[in-house]
């Protein structure tokens, strides 16, 4: 059991990143489910196709692979969505609202940002597993369709479909798989600070305080000699009052 802050609220940037991945996984689950259904419907046609035995086995195998991979991507997307929904609850136990308000610019990625606010250390592995199964499910279905076209269609149709497949796979490979993994810029802005930079600045500030030269003491001039030793002088603030001594008895005139 842990102590939680019931009124804790995630920062807006963390909420934006979490909601973005949730919408992406939800959309991916819908697409993977539809592709699994399409593969199951095409399986009967592929099994009845005429052609060489090796090509037919390859066609059926890629169709089965697309079905299994799309089912796996659908299940994995639900797991990722469920894990993202627990970030707010976990952050309420490990985060301090005051420290979150004082937080400045940090150099991090989306995955590390979510991990610092409650996502488990397996978050990146779960995300990459979903991306790989999602992409391979699409790829296997496209390869199965292209193989079926190569077995049954004419030569001009084969050429046109090959060009369309290349035109489809290249942007799909980049936007679905490569861009989320390798496409983020790792350059920090000029005013961004890493934890190492912040620690070095704190050490430098402490060193400057410890090695700072002592402040010079103000020079105090010696007191001015009293030209009339027989007179008493009382000083208050910056005003000096001189009282002459009484000589003889004081008689009213």
Protein backbone atom coordinates (compact mmCIF):
# COMPACT_ATOMS: atom_id res chain seq x y z
CA UNK A 1 0.00 0.00 0.00
CA UNK A 2 1.19 3.51 -0.85
CA UNK A 3 0.04 7.01 -0.03
CA UNK A 4 -1.66 8.83 -2.89
CA UNK A 5 -2.71 12.42 -3.49
CA UNK A 6 -6.37 12.23 -4.59
CA UNK A 7 -6.34 15.79 -5.99
CA UNK A 8 -3.09 15.42 -7.94
CA UNK A 9 -3.27 16.54 -11.59
CA UNK A 10 -0.79 15.65 -14.30
CA UNK A 11 1.00 18.48 -16.15
CA UNK A 12 -0.57 19.49 -19.45
CA UNK A 13 2.36 18.23 -21.51
CA UNK A 14 2.18 14.79 -19.90
CA UNK A 15 -1.58 14.65 -20.50
CA UNK A 16 -1.08 15.62 -24.14
CA UNK A 17 1.54 12.91 -24.72
CA UNK A 18 -0.53 10.27 -22.94
CA UNK A 19 -3.75 11.14 -24.80
CA UNK A 20 -1.90 11.20 -28.12
CA UNK A 21 -0.59 7.67 -27.65
CA UNK A 22 -3.98 6.49 -26.45
CA UNK A 23 -5.69 7.79 -29.59
CA UNK A 24 -2.96 6.26 -31.74
CA UNK A 25 -3.33 2.86 -30.09
CA UNK A 26 -7.12 2.98 -30.33
CA UNK A 27 -6.96 3.77 -34.04
CA UNK A 28 -4.36 1.04 -34.53
CA UNK A 29 -6.57 -1.48 -32.74
CA UNK A 30 -9.45 -0.70 -35.12
CA UNK A 31 -7.21 -0.99 -38.19
CA UNK A 32 -5.63 -4.25 -37.01
CA UNK A 33 -9.03 -5.77 -36.27
CA UNK A 34 -10.32 -4.87 -39.73
CA UNK A 35 -7.20 -6.26 -41.42
CA UNK A 36 -7.50 -9.51 -39.46
CA UNK A 37 -11.06 -9.86 -40.73
CA UNK A 38 -9.99 -9.12 -44.30
CA UNK A 39 -7.23 -11.73 -44.09
CA UNK A 40 -9.67 -14.33 -42.77
CA UNK A 41 -12.05 -13.69 -45.68
CA UNK A 42 -9.26 -13.86 -48.26
CA UNK A 43 -7.89 -17.11 -46.86
CA UNK A 44 -10.55 -19.22 -48.58
CA UNK A 45 -9.83 -17.62 -51.96
CA UNK A 46 -6.10 -18.06 -51.50
CA UNK A 47 -6.45 -21.75 -50.67
CA UNK A 48 -8.47 -22.31 -53.85
CA UNK A 49 -6.01 -20.43 -56.10
CA UNK A 50 -4.35 -22.30 -58.96
CA UNK A 51 -0.58 -22.18 -59.28
CA UNK A 52 2.68 -23.83 -58.28
CA UNK A 53 2.63 -25.67 -54.98
CA UNK A 54 5.46 -23.60 -53.49
CA UNK A 55 3.82 -20.29 -54.40
CA UNK A 56 0.49 -21.48 -53.04
CA UNK A 57 2.06 -22.51 -49.73
CA UNK A 58 3.81 -19.15 -49.49
CA UNK A 59 0.51 -17.38 -50.21
CA UNK A 60 -1.38 -19.27 -47.52
CA UNK A 61 1.47 -18.86 -45.01
CA UNK A 62 1.62 -15.07 -45.46
CA UNK A 63 -2.15 -14.87 -45.12
CA UNK A 64 -2.05 -16.81 -41.85
CA UNK A 65 0.82 -14.64 -40.63
CA UNK A 66 -1.13 -11.46 -41.38
CA UNK A 67 -4.13 -12.75 -39.41
CA UNK A 68 -2.06 -13.72 -36.38
CA UNK A 69 0.02 -10.53 -36.40
CA UNK A 70 -3.04 -8.29 -36.69
CA UNK A 71 -4.71 -10.13 -33.82
CA UNK A 72 -1.53 -9.71 -31.75
CA UNK A 73 -1.39 -6.00 -32.60
CA UNK A 74 -5.02 -5.57 -31.53
CA UNK A 75 -4.39 -7.25 -28.17
CA UNK A 76 -1.13 -5.36 -27.61
CA UNK A 77 -2.81 -2.02 -28.33
CA UNK A 78 -5.38 -2.71 -25.62
CA UNK A 79 -2.58 -3.54 -23.17
CA UNK A 80 -0.80 -0.28 -23.99
CA UNK A 81 -4.03 1.72 -23.62
CA UNK A 82 -4.70 0.13 -20.23
CA UNK A 83 -1.16 0.89 -19.10
CA UNK A 84 -1.45 4.52 -20.20
CA UNK A 85 -4.63 4.89 -18.18
CA UNK A 86 -2.75 4.05 -14.97
CA UNK A 87 -0.20 6.86 -15.31
CA UNK A 88 -2.30 9.42 -13.43
CA UNK A 89 -2.87 7.02 -10.53
CA UNK A 90 0.80 6.06 -10.28
CA UNK A 91 1.95 9.69 -10.53
CA UNK A 92 -0.25 10.60 -7.55
CA UNK A 93 2.01 8.43 -5.38
CA UNK A 94 5.47 9.41 -6.66
CA UNK A 95 5.16 13.04 -7.74
CA UNK A 96 5.15 16.24 -5.70
CA UNK A 97 2.84 18.99 -7.04
CA UNK A 98 5.15 21.74 -5.80
CA UNK A 99 8.15 20.26 -7.59
CA UNK A 100 6.10 19.89 -10.78
CA UNK A 101 5.21 23.59 -10.69
CA UNK A 102 8.86 24.57 -10.24
CA UNK A 103 10.09 22.27 -13.00
CA UNK A 104 11.80 24.11 -15.86
CA UNK A 105 12.85 22.88 -19.28
CA UNK A 106 14.14 19.29 -19.40
CA UNK A 107 15.81 17.29 -22.16
CA UNK A 108 13.80 14.06 -22.55
CA UNK A 109 11.70 11.98 -24.93
CA UNK A 110 8.02 11.12 -24.85
CA UNK A 111 8.68 7.64 -23.50
CA UNK A 112 11.01 8.86 -20.74
CA UNK A 113 8.60 11.66 -19.83
CA UNK A 114 5.79 9.17 -19.27
CA UNK A 115 8.13 6.87 -17.34
CA UNK A 116 9.05 9.71 -14.98
CA UNK A 117 5.34 10.21 -14.24
CA UNK A 118 4.44 6.61 -13.44
CA UNK A 119 4.82 4.51 -16.59
CA UNK A 120 6.69 1.26 -15.97
CA UNK A 121 10.14 0.50 -17.29
CA UNK A 122 8.58 -1.91 -19.83
CA UNK A 123 6.68 0.94 -21.47
CA UNK A 124 9.09 1.31 -24.39
CA UNK A 125 9.20 -2.45 -24.97
CA UNK A 126 5.40 -2.60 -25.06
CA UNK A 127 5.27 0.30 -27.50
CA UNK A 128 7.86 -1.19 -29.86
CA UNK A 129 6.18 -4.60 -29.73
CA UNK A 130 2.90 -3.01 -30.78
CA UNK A 131 4.53 -1.05 -33.60
CA UNK A 132 6.36 -4.13 -34.93
CA UNK A 133 3.30 -6.39 -34.90
CA UNK A 134 1.13 -3.65 -36.40
CA UNK A 135 3.55 -3.02 -39.24
CA UNK A 136 4.28 -6.70 -39.94
CA UNK A 137 0.56 -7.48 -40.03
CA UNK A 138 0.04 -4.87 -42.74
CA UNK A 139 3.17 -5.99 -44.59
CA UNK A 140 2.20 -9.68 -44.63
CA UNK A 141 -1.27 -8.92 -45.96
CA UNK A 142 0.13 -6.74 -48.76
CA UNK A 143 2.68 -9.44 -49.68
CA UNK A 144 -0.10 -12.04 -49.75
CA UNK A 145 -2.19 -9.90 -52.08
CA UNK A 146 0.80 -9.26 -54.35
CA UNK A 147 1.58 -12.98 -54.46
CA UNK A 148 -2.02 -13.77 -55.41
CA UNK A 149 -1.86 -11.18 -58.19
CA UNK A 150 1.41 -12.68 -59.44
CA UNK A 151 -0.20 -16.13 -59.56
CA UNK A 152 -3.46 -15.21 -61.27
CA UNK A 153 -3.18 -11.85 -63.10
CA UNK A 154 -1.65 -10.87 -66.44
CA UNK A 155 1.80 -9.31 -66.85
CA UNK A 156 0.65 -5.65 -67.15
CA UNK A 157 -1.45 -6.10 -64.01
CA UNK A 158 1.55 -7.56 -62.20
CA UNK A 159 3.71 -4.57 -63.13
CA UNK A 160 1.09 -2.02 -62.10
CA UNK A 161 0.39 -3.76 -58.79
CA UNK A 162 4.11 -4.04 -58.03
CA UNK A 163 4.50 -0.28 -58.48
CA UNK A 164 1.46 0.36 -56.30
CA UNK A 165 2.84 -1.91 -53.58
CA UNK A 166 6.18 -0.08 -53.63
CA UNK A 167 4.36 3.26 -53.52
CA UNK A 168 2.32 2.00 -50.56
CA UNK A 169 5.05 0.35 -48.51
CA UNK A 170 7.64 3.13 -48.61
CA UNK A 171 5.57 5.84 -46.86
CA UNK A 172 3.91 3.22 -44.67
CA UNK A 173 7.31 2.00 -43.49
CA UNK A 174 8.42 5.52 -42.64
CA UNK A 175 5.29 6.91 -40.98
CA UNK A 176 4.23 3.74 -39.14
CA UNK A 177 7.55 2.27 -38.02
CA UNK A 178 10.64 4.42 -38.67
CA UNK A 179 9.30 7.84 -37.74
CA UNK A 180 7.99 6.95 -34.24
CA UNK A 181 11.25 5.15 -33.42
CA UNK A 182 14.00 7.12 -35.18
CA UNK A 183 12.34 10.24 -36.54
CA UNK A 184 12.40 12.42 -33.43
CA UNK A 185 14.95 15.15 -33.24
CA UNK A 186 17.42 14.66 -30.41
CA UNK A 187 18.78 18.19 -30.49
CA UNK A 188 18.10 20.25 -27.44
CA UNK A 189 17.12 23.93 -27.71
CA UNK A 190 19.67 26.50 -26.73
CA UNK A 191 17.97 27.25 -23.42
CA UNK A 192 17.27 23.61 -22.52
CA UNK A 193 19.07 22.15 -19.54
CA UNK A 194 19.90 18.57 -18.87
CA UNK A 195 20.09 17.19 -15.31
CA UNK A 196 23.89 17.12 -15.64
CA UNK A 197 23.95 20.81 -16.59
CA UNK A 198 21.73 21.71 -13.65
CA UNK A 199 23.96 19.74 -11.25
CA UNK A 200 27.11 21.40 -12.63
CA UNK A 201 25.54 24.84 -12.24
CA UNK A 202 24.64 24.08 -8.64
CA UNK A 203 28.20 22.88 -7.92
CA UNK A 204 29.67 25.99 -9.55
CA UNK A 205 27.41 28.26 -7.52
CA UNK A 206 28.36 26.50 -4.28
CA UNK A 207 32.05 26.69 -5.17
CA UNK A 208 31.79 30.39 -5.93
CA UNK A 209 30.15 31.01 -2.58
CA UNK A 210 32.77 28.99 -0.66
CA UNK A 211 35.73 30.58 -2.45
CA UNK A 212 34.42 34.12 -2.55
CA UNK A 213 36.85 36.66 -0.99
CA UNK A 214 35.71 38.23 2.29
CA UNK A 215 33.94 41.53 2.04
CA UNK A 216 36.22 44.46 2.98
CA UNK A 217 35.38 46.03 6.28
CA UNK A 218 34.58 49.74 6.19
CA UNK A 219 37.46 51.98 7.33
CA UNK A 220 36.70 53.69 10.58
CA UNK A 221 38.52 56.96 11.10
CA UNK A 222 39.87 57.62 14.60
CA UNK A 223 37.80 59.90 16.78
CA UNK A 224 38.55 63.57 16.48
CA UNK A 225 40.42 64.98 19.52
CA UNK A 226 38.45 67.28 21.76
CA UNK A 227 39.98 70.76 21.54
CA UNK A 228 38.43 71.68 24.89
CA UNK A 229 39.20 68.92 27.37
CA UNK A 230 37.43 70.81 30.13
CA UNK A 231 34.16 70.56 28.22
CA UNK A 232 31.98 67.43 28.15
CA UNK A 233 30.49 66.31 24.89
CA UNK A 234 27.45 63.99 24.47
CA UNK A 235 26.65 62.68 20.99
CA UNK A 236 23.36 61.19 19.75
CA UNK A 237 23.29 59.95 16.15
CA UNK A 238 24.88 62.54 13.95
CA UNK A 239 24.14 65.54 16.24
CA UNK A 240 26.78 66.66 18.75
CA UNK A 241 25.80 68.80 21.72
CA UNK A 242 28.49 70.61 23.77
CA UNK A 243 27.61 71.57 27.34
CA UNK A 244 29.94 74.12 29.03
CA UNK A 245 30.74 73.47 32.69
CA UNK A 246 29.07 75.60 35.32
CA UNK A 247 31.35 78.19 36.99
CA UNK A 248 30.28 79.56 40.36
CA UNK A 249 26.78 79.69 41.83
CA UNK A 250 23.87 80.48 39.56
CA UNK A 251 21.98 83.56 40.89
CA UNK A 252 18.97 85.10 39.23
CA UNK A 253 19.58 88.54 37.84
